[in-house]
Amino acid sequence: MGIVFMIVAGAALGWLAAVASRAQELSRSVHMPIASGVAGALLAGLVVSPLLGTGSMAGGPYDVSALLVSVLGALVAISAVVLLQVRKSG
């Protein structure tokens, strides 16, 4: 259940970032924030959460703080990708 949440939350946040940065005009640019959101959520949920002691999102017990860490990881990854795209194009 935790991994499914990370994938869905990361994809939703990536899509919202693509819409907010007007990347929908370029069809290939929409996929990058979505993929980076999923990757950031998975990385934060599977690696960072256990390091912080909030529980593993892979299985077993996890709590709201582990979910928030995965959402934060998605936001950080999306922000980095959007900033790189803006810097590259302008």
PDB file of N, CA and C in Angstrom:
ATOM      1  N   MET A   1       0.815  -1.195   0.000  1.00  0.00           N
ATOM      2  CA  MET A   1       0.000   0.000   0.000  1.00  0.00           C
ATOM      3  C   MET A   1       0.858   1.258   0.000  1.00  0.00           C
ATOM      4  N   GLY A   2       1.962   1.263   0.712  1.00  0.00           N
ATOM      5  CA  GLY A   2       2.820   2.428   0.802  1.00  0.00           C
ATOM      6  C   GLY A   2       3.482   2.772  -0.522  1.00  0.00           C
ATOM      7  N   ILE A   3       3.935   1.762  -1.252  1.00  0.00           N
ATOM      8  CA  ILE A   3       4.593   2.013  -2.529  1.00  0.00           C
ATOM      9  C   ILE A   3       3.591   2.545  -3.544  1.00  0.00           C
ATOM     10  N   VAL A   4       2.379   2.027  -3.522  1.00  0.00           N
ATOM     11  CA  VAL A   4       1.335   2.517  -4.423  1.00  0.00           C
ATOM     12  C   VAL A   4       1.049   3.989  -4.134  1.00  0.00           C
ATOM     13  N   PHE A   5       0.979   4.345  -2.853  1.00  0.00           N
ATOM     14  CA  PHE A   5       0.753   5.744  -2.489  1.00  0.00           C
ATOM     15  C   PHE A   5       1.885   6.622  -3.010  1.00  0.00           C
ATOM     16  N   MET A   6       3.135   6.168  -2.872  1.00  0.00           N
ATOM     17  CA  MET A   6       4.269   6.964  -3.324  1.00  0.00           C
ATOM     18  C   MET A   6       4.216   7.193  -4.829  1.00  0.00           C
ATOM     19  N   ILE A   7       3.867   6.177  -5.590  1.00  0.00           N
ATOM     20  CA  ILE A   7       3.799   6.303  -7.046  1.00  0.00           C
ATOM     21  C   ILE A   7       2.680   7.252  -7.449  1.00  0.00           C
ATOM     22  N   VAL A   8       1.501   7.082  -6.847  1.00  0.00           N
ATOM     23  CA  VAL A   8       0.362   7.938  -7.192  1.00  0.00           C
ATOM     24  C   VAL A   8       0.610   9.379  -6.767  1.00  0.00           C
ATOM     25  N   ALA A   9       1.115   9.569  -5.559  1.00  0.00           N
ATOM     26  CA  ALA A   9       1.374  10.928  -5.078  1.00  0.00           C
ATOM     27  C   ALA A   9       2.460  11.607  -5.911  1.00  0.00           C
ATOM     28  N   GLY A  10       3.512  10.889  -6.231  1.00  0.00           N
ATOM     29  CA  GLY A  10       4.582  11.452  -7.054  1.00  0.00           C
ATOM     30  C   GLY A  10       4.097  11.816  -8.448  1.00  0.00           C
ATOM     31  N   ALA A  11       3.293  10.955  -9.050  1.00  0.00           N
ATOM     32  CA  ALA A  11       2.760  11.251 -10.386  1.00  0.00           C
ATOM     33  C   ALA A  11       1.811  12.438 -10.351  1.00  0.00           C
ATOM     34  N   ALA A  12       0.957  12.498  -9.341  1.00  0.00           N
ATOM     35  CA  ALA A  12       0.018  13.622  -9.233  1.00  0.00           C
ATOM     36  C   ALA A  12       0.761  14.933  -9.012  1.00  0.00           C
ATOM     37  N   LEU A  13       1.747  14.934  -8.147  1.00  0.00           N
ATOM     38  CA  LEU A  13       2.533  16.144  -7.914  1.00  0.00           C
ATOM     39  C   LEU A  13       3.325  16.548  -9.151  1.00  0.00           C
ATOM     40  N   GLY A  14       3.843  15.575  -9.869  1.00  0.00           N
ATOM     41  CA  GLY A  14       4.575  15.875 -11.106  1.00  0.00           C
ATOM     42  C   GLY A  14       3.668  16.473 -12.170  1.00  0.00           C
ATOM     43  N   TRP A  15       2.475  15.939 -12.291  1.00  0.00           N
ATOM     44  CA  TRP A  15       1.517  16.481 -13.254  1.00  0.00           C
ATOM     45  C   TRP A  15       1.134  17.913 -12.881  1.00  0.00           C
ATOM     46  N   LEU A  16       0.891  18.154 -11.591  1.00  0.00           N
ATOM     47  CA  LEU A  16       0.567  19.510 -11.155  1.00  0.00           C
ATOM     48  C   LEU A  16       1.717  20.476 -11.420  1.00  0.00           C
ATOM     49  N   ALA A  17       2.938  20.014 -11.224  1.00  0.00           N
ATOM     50  CA  ALA A  17       4.096  20.865 -11.503  1.00  0.00           C
ATOM     51  C   ALA A  17       4.208  21.156 -12.994  1.00  0.00           C
ATOM     52  N   ALA A  18       3.902  20.163 -13.822  1.00  0.00           N
ATOM     53  CA  ALA A  18       3.943  20.379 -15.267  1.00  0.00           C
ATOM     54  C   ALA A  18       2.893  21.398 -15.693  1.00  0.00           C
ATOM     55  N   VAL A  19       1.717  21.314 -15.108  1.00  0.00           N
ATOM     56  CA  VAL A  19       0.661  22.276 -15.422  1.00  0.00           C
ATOM     57  C   VAL A  19       1.050  23.668 -14.929  1.00  0.00           C
ATOM     58  N   ALA A  20       1.590  23.738 -13.729  1.00  0.00           N
ATOM     59  CA  ALA A  20       1.968  25.031 -13.153  1.00  0.00           C
ATOM     60  C   ALA A  20       3.092  25.699 -13.940  1.00  0.00           C
ATOM     61  N   SER A  21       3.990  24.899 -14.483  1.00  0.00           N
ATOM     62  CA  SER A  21       5.102  25.466 -15.250  1.00  0.00           C
ATOM     63  C   SER A  21       4.789  25.550 -16.740  1.00  0.00           C
ATOM     64  N   ARG A  22       3.546  25.311 -17.077  1.00  0.00           N
ATOM     65  CA  ARG A  22       3.064  25.382 -18.461  1.00  0.00           C
ATOM     66  C   ARG A  22       3.833  24.441 -19.392  1.00  0.00           C
ATOM     67  N   ALA A  23       4.209  23.287 -18.874  1.00  0.00           N
ATOM     68  CA  ALA A  23       4.932  22.310 -19.682  1.00  0.00           C
ATOM     69  C   ALA A  23       3.991  21.519 -20.583  1.00  0.00           C
ATOM     70  N   GLN A  24       2.687  21.691 -20.406  1.00  0.00           N
ATOM     71  CA  GLN A  24       1.756  20.934 -21.228  1.00  0.00           C
ATOM     72  C   GLN A  24       1.831  21.368 -22.685  1.00  0.00           C
ATOM     73  N   GLU A  25       2.407  22.538 -22.955  1.00  0.00           N
ATOM     74  CA  GLU A  25       2.562  22.990 -24.327  1.00  0.00           C
ATOM     75  C   GLU A  25       3.565  22.111 -25.075  1.00  0.00           C
ATOM     76  N   LEU A  26       4.541  21.612 -24.379  1.00  0.00           N
ATOM     77  CA  LEU A  26       5.523  20.708 -24.958  1.00  0.00           C
ATOM     78  C   LEU A  26       5.254  19.309 -24.429  1.00  0.00           C
ATOM     79  N   SER A  27       4.765  18.440 -25.291  1.00  0.00           N
ATOM     80  CA  SER A  27       4.312  17.128 -24.829  1.00  0.00           C
ATOM     81  C   SER A  27       5.419  16.318 -24.165  1.00  0.00           C
ATOM     82  N   ARG A  28       6.652  16.467 -24.601  1.00  0.00           N
ATOM     83  CA  ARG A  28       7.724  15.688 -23.988  1.00  0.00           C
ATOM     84  C   ARG A  28       8.115  16.239 -22.619  1.00  0.00           C
ATOM     85  N   SER A  29       7.818  17.500 -22.369  1.00  0.00           N
ATOM     86  CA  SER A  29       8.185  18.107 -21.098  1.00  0.00           C
ATOM     87  C   SER A  29       7.263  17.691 -19.964  1.00  0.00           C
ATOM     88  N   VAL A  30       6.096  17.181 -20.289  1.00  0.00           N
ATOM     89  CA  VAL A  30       5.155  16.760 -19.254  1.00  0.00           C
ATOM     90  C   VAL A  30       5.644  15.490 -18.568  1.00  0.00           C
ATOM     91  N   HIS A  31       6.289  14.630 -19.316  1.00  0.00           N
ATOM     92  CA  HIS A  31       6.710  13.339 -18.763  1.00  0.00           C
ATOM     93  C   HIS A  31       7.837  13.473 -17.749  1.00  0.00           C
ATOM     94  N   MET A  32       8.690  14.450 -17.924  1.00  0.00           N
ATOM     95  CA  MET A  32       9.837  14.609 -17.022  1.00  0.00           C
ATOM     96  C   MET A  32       9.420  14.956 -15.592  1.00  0.00           C
ATOM     97  N   PRO A  33       8.537  15.933 -15.357  1.00  0.00           N
ATOM     98  CA  PRO A  33       8.135  16.194 -13.970  1.00  0.00           C
ATOM     99  C   PRO A  33       7.375  15.030 -13.337  1.00  0.00           C
ATOM    100  N   ILE A  34       6.584  14.322 -14.126  1.00  0.00           N
ATOM    101  CA  ILE A  34       5.852  13.174 -13.578  1.00  0.00           C
ATOM    102  C   ILE A  34       6.829  12.081 -13.172  1.00  0.00           C
ATOM    103  N   ALA A  35       7.777  11.779 -14.045  1.00  0.00           N
ATOM    104  CA  ALA A  35       8.771  10.748 -13.723  1.00  0.00           C
ATOM    105  C   ALA A  35       9.638  11.164 -12.547  1.00  0.00           C
ATOM    106  N   SER A  36      10.011  12.435 -12.492  1.00  0.00           N
ATOM    107  CA  SER A  36      10.840  12.879 -11.374  1.00  0.00           C
ATOM    108  C   SER A  36      10.053  12.878 -10.067  1.00  0.00           C
ATOM    109  N   GLY A  37       8.757  13.156 -10.125  1.00  0.00           N
ATOM    110  CA  GLY A  37       7.933  13.085  -8.919  1.00  0.00           C
ATOM    111  C   GLY A  37       7.849  11.673  -8.375  1.00  0.00           C
ATOM    112  N   VAL A  38       7.649  10.719  -9.268  1.00  0.00           N
ATOM    113  CA  VAL A  38       7.591   9.311  -8.845  1.00  0.00           C
ATOM    114  C   VAL A  38       8.948   8.876  -8.295  1.00  0.00           C
ATOM    115  N   ALA A  39      10.023   9.237  -9.006  1.00  0.00           N
ATOM    116  CA  ALA A  39      11.363   8.845  -8.543  1.00  0.00           C
ATOM    117  C   ALA A  39      11.699   9.488  -7.199  1.00  0.00           C
ATOM    118  N   GLY A  40      11.364  10.754  -7.038  1.00  0.00           N
ATOM    119  CA  GLY A  40      11.635  11.430  -5.767  1.00  0.00           C
ATOM    120  C   GLY A  40      10.845  10.835  -4.616  1.00  0.00           C
ATOM    121  N   ALA A  41       9.593  10.512  -4.868  1.00  0.00           N
ATOM    122  CA  ALA A  41       8.769   9.907  -3.821  1.00  0.00           C
ATOM    123  C   ALA A  41       9.291   8.527  -3.436  1.00  0.00           C
ATOM    124  N   LEU A  42       9.655   7.734  -4.432  1.00  0.00           N
ATOM    125  CA  LEU A  42      10.183   6.400  -4.133  1.00  0.00           C
ATOM    126  C   LEU A  42      11.510   6.477  -3.396  1.00  0.00           C
ATOM    127  N   LEU A  43      12.395   7.342  -3.855  1.00  0.00           N
ATOM    128  CA  LEU A  43      13.704   7.475  -3.206  1.00  0.00           C
ATOM    129  C   LEU A  43      13.552   7.942  -1.764  1.00  0.00           C
ATOM    130  N   ALA A  44      12.737   8.953  -1.554  1.00  0.00           N
ATOM    131  CA  ALA A  44      12.555   9.467  -0.191  1.00  0.00           C
ATOM    132  C   ALA A  44      11.834   8.451   0.689  1.00  0.00           C
ATOM    133  N   GLY A  45      10.831   7.792   0.137  1.00  0.00           N
ATOM    134  CA  GLY A  45      10.062   6.836   0.936  1.00  0.00           C
ATOM    135  C   GLY A  45      10.817   5.571   1.280  1.00  0.00           C
ATOM    136  N   LEU A  46      11.687   5.141   0.376  1.00  0.00           N
ATOM    137  CA  LEU A  46      12.397   3.889   0.600  1.00  0.00           C
ATOM    138  C   LEU A  46      13.766   4.071   1.237  1.00  0.00           C
ATOM    139  N   VAL A  47      14.402   5.224   1.032  1.00  0.00           N
ATOM    140  CA  VAL A  47      15.758   5.425   1.545  1.00  0.00           C
ATOM    141  C   VAL A  47      15.801   6.440   2.688  1.00  0.00           C
ATOM    142  N   VAL A  48      15.205   7.600   2.472  1.00  0.00           N
ATOM    143  CA  VAL A  48      15.313   8.677   3.456  1.00  0.00           C
ATOM    144  C   VAL A  48      14.468   8.393   4.700  1.00  0.00           C
ATOM    145  N   SER A  49      13.263   7.882   4.510  1.00  0.00           N
ATOM    146  CA  SER A  49      12.390   7.613   5.665  1.00  0.00           C
ATOM    147  C   SER A  49      13.031   6.689   6.696  1.00  0.00           C
ATOM    148  N   PRO A  50      13.609   5.552   6.285  1.00  0.00           N
ATOM    149  CA  PRO A  50      14.269   4.711   7.292  1.00  0.00           C
ATOM    150  C   PRO A  50      15.470   5.390   7.953  1.00  0.00           C
ATOM    151  N   LEU A  51      16.191   6.231   7.196  1.00  0.00           N
ATOM    152  CA  LEU A  51      17.325   6.939   7.784  1.00  0.00           C
ATOM    153  C   LEU A  51      16.875   7.928   8.858  1.00  0.00           C
ATOM    154  N   LEU A  52      15.702   8.505   8.655  1.00  0.00           N
ATOM    155  CA  LEU A  52      15.166   9.439   9.644  1.00  0.00           C
ATOM    156  C   LEU A  52      14.440   8.737  10.785  1.00  0.00           C
ATOM    157  N   GLY A  53      14.262   7.441  10.650  1.00  0.00           N
ATOM    158  CA  GLY A  53      13.597   6.673  11.694  1.00  0.00           C
ATOM    159  C   GLY A  53      12.085   6.770  11.662  1.00  0.00           C
ATOM    160  N   THR A  54      11.524   7.123  10.499  1.00  0.00           N
ATOM    161  CA  THR A  54      10.068   7.253  10.414  1.00  0.00           C
ATOM    162  C   THR A  54       9.397   5.984   9.932  1.00  0.00           C
ATOM    163  N   GLY A  55      10.153   4.965   9.622  1.00  0.00           N
ATOM    164  CA  GLY A  55       9.569   3.716   9.148  1.00  0.00           C
ATOM    165  C   GLY A  55       9.811   3.544   7.666  1.00  0.00           C
ATOM    166  N   SER A  56       9.783   2.319   7.222  1.00  0.00           N
ATOM    167  CA  SER A  56      10.016   2.022   5.814  1.00  0.00           C
ATOM    168  C   SER A  56       8.705   1.998   5.062  1.00  0.00           C
ATOM    169  N   MET A  57       8.697   2.595   3.889  1.00  0.00           N
ATOM    170  CA  MET A  57       7.485   2.590   3.080  1.00  0.00           C
ATOM    171  C   MET A  57       7.361   1.304   2.279  1.00  0.00           C
ATOM    172  N   ALA A  58       8.403   0.475   2.233  1.00  0.00           N
ATOM    173  CA  ALA A  58       8.385  -0.740   1.432  1.00  0.00           C
ATOM    174  C   ALA A  58       7.448  -1.789   2.012  1.00  0.00           C
ATOM    175  N   GLY A  59       7.327  -1.836   3.275  1.00  0.00           N
ATOM    176  CA  GLY A  59       6.472  -2.835   3.896  1.00  0.00           C
ATOM    177  C   GLY A  59       6.530  -2.693   5.391  1.00  0.00           C
ATOM    178  N   GLY A  60       5.648  -3.353   6.031  1.00  0.00           N
ATOM    179  CA  GLY A  60       5.620  -3.266   7.475  1.00  0.00           C
ATOM    180  C   GLY A  60       4.995  -1.975   7.961  1.00  0.00           C
ATOM    181  N   PRO A  61       5.281  -1.626   9.180  1.00  0.00           N
ATOM    182  CA  PRO A  61       4.655  -0.424   9.745  1.00  0.00           C
ATOM    183  C   PRO A  61       5.241   0.861   9.184  1.00  0.00           C
ATOM    184  N   TYR A  62       4.367   1.760   8.812  1.00  0.00           N
ATOM    185  CA  TYR A  62       4.783   3.096   8.418  1.00  0.00           C
ATOM    186  C   TYR A  62       3.735   4.063   8.931  1.00  0.00           C
ATOM    187  N   ASP A  63       4.101   5.305   9.030  1.00  0.00           N
ATOM    188  CA  ASP A  63       3.186   6.277   9.609  1.00  0.00           C
ATOM    189  C   ASP A  63       3.079   7.507   8.714  1.00  0.00           C
ATOM    190  N   VAL A  64       2.353   8.480   9.194  1.00  0.00           N
ATOM    191  CA  VAL A  64       2.087   9.687   8.419  1.00  0.00           C
ATOM    192  C   VAL A  64       3.383  10.430   8.119  1.00  0.00           C
ATOM    193  N   SER A  65       4.319  10.433   9.040  1.00  0.00           N
ATOM    194  CA  SER A  65       5.578  11.147   8.793  1.00  0.00           C
ATOM    195  C   SER A  65       6.347  10.516   7.634  1.00  0.00           C
ATOM    196  N   ALA A  66       6.285   9.200   7.481  1.00  0.00           N
ATOM    197  CA  ALA A  66       6.937   8.544   6.345  1.00  0.00           C
ATOM    198  C   ALA A  66       6.257   8.939   5.038  1.00  0.00           C
ATOM    199  N   LEU A  67       4.949   9.057   5.055  1.00  0.00           N
ATOM    200  CA  LEU A  67       4.224   9.506   3.864  1.00  0.00           C
ATOM    201  C   LEU A  67       4.591  10.943   3.518  1.00  0.00           C
ATOM    202  N   LEU A  68       4.710  11.788   4.517  1.00  0.00           N
ATOM    203  CA  LEU A  68       5.076  13.180   4.279  1.00  0.00           C
ATOM    204  C   LEU A  68       6.504  13.296   3.741  1.00  0.00           C
ATOM    205  N   VAL A  69       7.396  12.454   4.217  1.00  0.00           N
ATOM    206  CA  VAL A  69       8.767  12.458   3.711  1.00  0.00           C
ATOM    207  C   VAL A  69       8.771  12.080   2.235  1.00  0.00           C
ATOM    208  N   SER A  70       7.955  11.130   1.837  1.00  0.00           N
ATOM    209  CA  SER A  70       7.912  10.740   0.438  1.00  0.00           C
ATOM    210  C   SER A  70       7.319  11.849  -0.428  1.00  0.00           C
ATOM    211  N   VAL A  71       6.312  12.549   0.075  1.00  0.00           N
ATOM    212  CA  VAL A  71       5.740  13.683  -0.666  1.00  0.00           C
ATOM    213  C   VAL A  71       6.767  14.803  -0.776  1.00  0.00           C
ATOM    214  N   LEU A  72       7.497  15.055   0.293  1.00  0.00           N
ATOM    215  CA  LEU A  72       8.529  16.081   0.269  1.00  0.00           C
ATOM    216  C   LEU A  72       9.637  15.720  -0.726  1.00  0.00           C
ATOM    217  N   GLY A  73       9.995  14.455  -0.779  1.00  0.00           N
ATOM    218  CA  GLY A  73      10.994  14.004  -1.751  1.00  0.00           C
ATOM    219  C   GLY A  73      10.531  14.220  -3.181  1.00  0.00           C
ATOM    220  N   ALA A  74       9.256  13.969  -3.435  1.00  0.00           N
ATOM    221  CA  ALA A  74       8.704  14.211  -4.770  1.00  0.00           C
ATOM    222  C   ALA A  74       8.759  15.693  -5.113  1.00  0.00           C
ATOM    223  N   LEU A  75       8.409  16.538  -4.162  1.00  0.00           N
ATOM    224  CA  LEU A  75       8.427  17.979  -4.407  1.00  0.00           C
ATOM    225  C   LEU A  75       9.842  18.493  -4.678  1.00  0.00           C
ATOM    226  N   VAL A  76      10.803  17.980  -3.954  1.00  0.00           N
ATOM    227  CA  VAL A  76      12.196  18.397  -4.159  1.00  0.00           C
ATOM    228  C   VAL A  76      12.674  17.965  -5.549  1.00  0.00           C
ATOM    229  N   ALA A  77      12.389  16.737  -5.933  1.00  0.00           N
ATOM    230  CA  ALA A  77      12.821  16.253  -7.241  1.00  0.00           C
ATOM    231  C   ALA A  77      12.147  17.021  -8.370  1.00  0.00           C
ATOM    232  N   ILE A  78      10.866  17.293  -8.236  1.00  0.00           N
ATOM    233  CA  ILE A  78      10.137  18.044  -9.260  1.00  0.00           C
ATOM    234  C   ILE A  78      10.677  19.463  -9.363  1.00  0.00           C
ATOM    235  N   SER A  79      10.922  20.081  -8.237  1.00  0.00           N
ATOM    236  CA  SER A  79      11.464  21.445  -8.248  1.00  0.00           C
ATOM    237  C   SER A  79      12.799  21.492  -8.963  1.00  0.00           C
ATOM    238  N   ALA A  80      13.635  20.521  -8.706  1.00  0.00           N
ATOM    239  CA  ALA A  80      14.945  20.481  -9.363  1.00  0.00           C
ATOM    240  C   ALA A  80      14.800  20.332 -10.868  1.00  0.00           C
ATOM    241  N   VAL A  81      13.905  19.466 -11.307  1.00  0.00           N
ATOM    242  CA  VAL A  81      13.715  19.255 -12.744  1.00  0.00           C
ATOM    243  C   VAL A  81      13.128  20.492 -13.408  1.00  0.00           C
ATOM    244  N   VAL A  82      12.143  21.103 -12.789  1.00  0.00           N
ATOM    245  CA  VAL A  82      11.532  22.302 -13.360  1.00  0.00           C
ATOM    246  C   VAL A  82      12.549  23.435 -13.434  1.00  0.00           C
ATOM    247  N   LEU A  83      13.357  23.609 -12.401  1.00  0.00           N
ATOM    248  CA  LEU A  83      14.390  24.637 -12.430  1.00  0.00           C
ATOM    249  C   LEU A  83      15.430  24.380 -13.512  1.00  0.00           C
ATOM    250  N   LEU A  84      15.807  23.131 -13.709  1.00  0.00           N
ATOM    251  CA  LEU A  84      16.766  22.798 -14.763  1.00  0.00           C
ATOM    252  C   LEU A  84      16.162  23.046 -16.138  1.00  0.00           C
ATOM    253  N   GLN A  85      14.870  22.744 -16.313  1.00  0.00           N
ATOM    254  CA  GLN A  85      14.236  22.985 -17.604  1.00  0.00           C
ATOM    255  C   GLN A  85      14.139  24.476 -17.901  1.00  0.00           C
ATOM    256  N   VAL A  86      13.811  25.283 -16.906  1.00  0.00           N
ATOM    257  CA  VAL A  86      13.707  26.720 -17.098  1.00  0.00           C
ATOM    258  C   VAL A  86      15.084  27.292 -17.409  1.00  0.00           C
ATOM    259  N   ARG A  87      16.076  26.834 -16.683  1.00  0.00           N
ATOM    260  CA  ARG A  87      17.445  27.333 -16.884  1.00  0.00           C
ATOM    261  C   ARG A  87      17.962  26.946 -18.268  1.00  0.00           C
ATOM    262  N   LYS A  88      17.615  25.741 -18.719  1.00  0.00           N
ATOM    263  CA  LYS A  88      18.069  25.246 -20.008  1.00  0.00           C
ATOM    264  C   LYS A  88      17.404  26.005 -21.166  1.00  0.00           C
ATOM    265  N   SER A  89      16.130  26.327 -21.011  1.00  0.00           N
ATOM    266  CA  SER A  89      15.393  26.980 -22.098  1.00  0.00           C
ATOM    267  C   SER A  89      15.580  28.499 -22.102  1.00  0.00           C
ATOM    268  N   GLY A  90      15.993  29.071 -20.998  1.00  0.00           N
ATOM    269  CA  GLY A  90      16.080  30.519 -20.961  1.00  0.00           C
ATOM    270  C   GLY A  90      17.337  30.969 -20.442  1.00  0.00           C
TER     271      GLY A  90
END
